[in-house]
């Protein structure tokens, strides 16, 4: 959950670096990949770390659709990888 939250912080930092501010940024969709064993079933719960952060920071503009899947491994043995689609109003 904390790794997903960190992914969210990085996405917010990237959006702010591009736009200069988060005032006109809204998130549309997240796709999260969780490094997990075959019996792990709580991928969506892990991604809540990122989703909750976006709503905490952006309010309603942070609301988004989301998909979460498990992966046998991720690059550099990362715990979570999150892909985000955001809009600039």
C-alpha atoms as a PDB file:
ATOM      1  CA  UNK A   1       0.000   0.000   0.000  1.00  0.00           C
ATOM      2  CA  UNK A   2       2.846   2.363   0.864  1.00  0.00           C
ATOM      3  CA  UNK A   3       4.622   1.538  -2.420  1.00  0.00           C
ATOM      4  CA  UNK A   4       1.443   2.415  -4.326  1.00  0.00           C
ATOM      5  CA  UNK A   5       1.184   5.681  -2.378  1.00  0.00           C
ATOM      6  CA  UNK A   6       4.761   6.509  -3.385  1.00  0.00           C
ATOM      7  CA  UNK A   7       3.845   5.852  -7.013  1.00  0.00           C
ATOM      8  CA  UNK A   8       1.035   8.372  -6.608  1.00  0.00           C
ATOM      9  CA  UNK A   9       3.418  10.943  -5.163  1.00  0.00           C
ATOM     10  CA  UNK A  10       5.718  10.482  -8.153  1.00  0.00           C
ATOM     11  CA  UNK A  11       2.820  10.893 -10.581  1.00  0.00           C
ATOM     12  CA  UNK A  12       1.697  14.081  -8.837  1.00  0.00           C
ATOM     13  CA  UNK A  13       5.260  15.413  -8.925  1.00  0.00           C
ATOM     14  CA  UNK A  14       5.493  14.640 -12.639  1.00  0.00           C
ATOM     15  CA  UNK A  15       2.165  16.320 -13.362  1.00  0.00           C
ATOM     16  CA  UNK A  16       3.226  19.388 -11.404  1.00  0.00           C
ATOM     17  CA  UNK A  17       6.590  19.511 -13.189  1.00  0.00           C
ATOM     18  CA  UNK A  18       4.784  19.493 -16.532  1.00  0.00           C
ATOM     19  CA  UNK A  19       2.064  22.007 -15.684  1.00  0.00           C
ATOM     20  CA  UNK A  20       3.753  24.135 -13.018  1.00  0.00           C
ATOM     21  CA  UNK A  21       0.807  23.546 -10.679  1.00  0.00           C
ATOM     22  CA  UNK A  22      -1.751  20.878  -9.794  1.00  0.00           C
ATOM     23  CA  UNK A  23      -4.621  23.374 -10.087  1.00  0.00           C
ATOM     24  CA  UNK A  24      -5.706  22.161 -13.531  1.00  0.00           C
ATOM     25  CA  UNK A  25      -4.752  18.473 -13.218  1.00  0.00           C
ATOM     26  CA  UNK A  26      -7.297  15.665 -12.938  1.00  0.00           C
ATOM     27  CA  UNK A  27      -6.734  11.920 -12.980  1.00  0.00           C
ATOM     28  CA  UNK A  28      -8.814   9.748 -15.294  1.00  0.00           C
ATOM     29  CA  UNK A  29      -7.467   6.193 -14.938  1.00  0.00           C
ATOM     30  CA  UNK A  30      -4.872   4.142 -13.087  1.00  0.00           C
ATOM     31  CA  UNK A  31      -3.528   0.757 -14.064  1.00  0.00           C
ATOM     32  CA  UNK A  32      -1.598  -0.894 -11.255  1.00  0.00           C
ATOM     33  CA  UNK A  33       0.611  -3.976 -11.318  1.00  0.00           C
ATOM     34  CA  UNK A  34       1.419  -5.623  -8.015  1.00  0.00           C
ATOM     35  CA  UNK A  35       4.411  -7.932  -7.598  1.00  0.00           C
ATOM     36  CA  UNK A  36       2.645 -10.885  -5.979  1.00  0.00           C
ATOM     37  CA  UNK A  37       2.586 -14.617  -5.433  1.00  0.00           C
ATOM     38  CA  UNK A  38      -0.086 -16.650  -7.263  1.00  0.00           C
ATOM     39  CA  UNK A  39      -2.230 -16.977  -4.126  1.00  0.00           C
ATOM     40  CA  UNK A  40      -2.350 -13.216  -3.353  1.00  0.00           C
ATOM     41  CA  UNK A  41      -5.819 -11.771  -3.985  1.00  0.00           C
ATOM     42  CA  UNK A  42      -5.750  -8.210  -2.640  1.00  0.00           C
ATOM     43  CA  UNK A  43      -4.284  -6.325  -5.604  1.00  0.00           C
ATOM     44  CA  UNK A  44      -7.046  -3.733  -5.508  1.00  0.00           C
ATOM     45  CA  UNK A  45      -6.407  -3.113  -1.807  1.00  0.00           C
ATOM     46  CA  UNK A  46      -2.737  -2.402  -2.538  1.00  0.00           C
ATOM     47  CA  UNK A  47      -3.698   0.160  -5.201  1.00  0.00           C
ATOM     48  CA  UNK A  48      -5.879   1.977  -2.669  1.00  0.00           C
ATOM     49  CA  UNK A  49      -2.645   3.572  -1.427  1.00  0.00           C
ATOM     50  CA  UNK A  50      -2.364   5.480  -4.702  1.00  0.00           C
ATOM     51  CA  UNK A  51      -6.064   6.099  -5.222  1.00  0.00           C
ATOM     52  CA  UNK A  52      -6.644   7.531  -1.768  1.00  0.00           C
ATOM     53  CA  UNK A  53      -3.646   9.832  -2.104  1.00  0.00           C
ATOM     54  CA  UNK A  54      -4.907  11.292  -5.388  1.00  0.00           C
ATOM     55  CA  UNK A  55      -8.295  12.042  -3.854  1.00  0.00           C
ATOM     56  CA  UNK A  56      -6.678  13.477  -0.699  1.00  0.00           C
ATOM     57  CA  UNK A  57      -4.561  15.866  -2.757  1.00  0.00           C
ATOM     58  CA  UNK A  58      -6.869  16.706  -5.663  1.00  0.00           C
ATOM     59  CA  UNK A  59     -10.333  16.180  -4.210  1.00  0.00           C
ATOM     60  CA  UNK A  60     -12.923  15.391  -6.848  1.00  0.00           C
ATOM     61  CA  UNK A  61     -10.328  15.886  -9.633  1.00  0.00           C
ATOM     62  CA  UNK A  62      -8.495  12.908  -8.144  1.00  0.00           C
ATOM     63  CA  UNK A  63     -11.435  10.521  -8.696  1.00  0.00           C
ATOM     64  CA  UNK A  64     -10.583   7.970 -11.385  1.00  0.00           C
ATOM     65  CA  UNK A  65     -11.247   4.554 -12.854  1.00  0.00           C
ATOM     66  CA  UNK A  66      -8.778   1.856 -11.844  1.00  0.00           C
ATOM     67  CA  UNK A  67      -7.554  -1.607 -12.781  1.00  0.00           C
ATOM     68  CA  UNK A  68      -5.243  -3.729 -10.634  1.00  0.00           C
ATOM     69  CA  UNK A  69      -3.522  -6.976 -11.552  1.00  0.00           C
ATOM     70  CA  UNK A  70      -0.910  -9.255 -10.057  1.00  0.00           C
ATOM     71  CA  UNK A  71       2.403  -9.975 -11.743  1.00  0.00           C
ATOM     72  CA  UNK A  72       4.903 -12.758 -11.124  1.00  0.00           C
ATOM     73  CA  UNK A  73       7.650 -10.127 -11.106  1.00  0.00           C
ATOM     74  CA  UNK A  74       8.269  -6.499 -11.960  1.00  0.00           C
ATOM     75  CA  UNK A  75      11.425  -4.721 -13.166  1.00  0.00           C
ATOM     76  CA  UNK A  76      14.057  -4.290 -10.437  1.00  0.00           C
ATOM     77  CA  UNK A  77      11.811  -6.368  -8.163  1.00  0.00           C
ATOM     78  CA  UNK A  78       9.567  -3.329  -7.536  1.00  0.00           C
ATOM     79  CA  UNK A  79       6.566  -4.025  -5.297  1.00  0.00           C
ATOM     80  CA  UNK A  80       4.164  -1.960  -7.419  1.00  0.00           C
ATOM     81  CA  UNK A  81       4.093  -0.231 -10.784  1.00  0.00           C
ATOM     82  CA  UNK A  82       1.325   2.259 -11.598  1.00  0.00           C
ATOM     83  CA  UNK A  83       0.442   3.780 -14.957  1.00  0.00           C
ATOM     84  CA  UNK A  84      -1.740   6.880 -14.801  1.00  0.00           C
ATOM     85  CA  UNK A  85      -3.713   8.839 -17.346  1.00  0.00           C
ATOM     86  CA  UNK A  86      -4.401  12.405 -16.337  1.00  0.00           C
ATOM     87  CA  UNK A  87      -5.891  15.435 -17.992  1.00  0.00           C
ATOM     88  CA  UNK A  88      -4.885  19.043 -17.931  1.00  0.00           C
ATOM     89  CA  UNK A  89      -7.933  21.299 -17.998  1.00  0.00           C
END
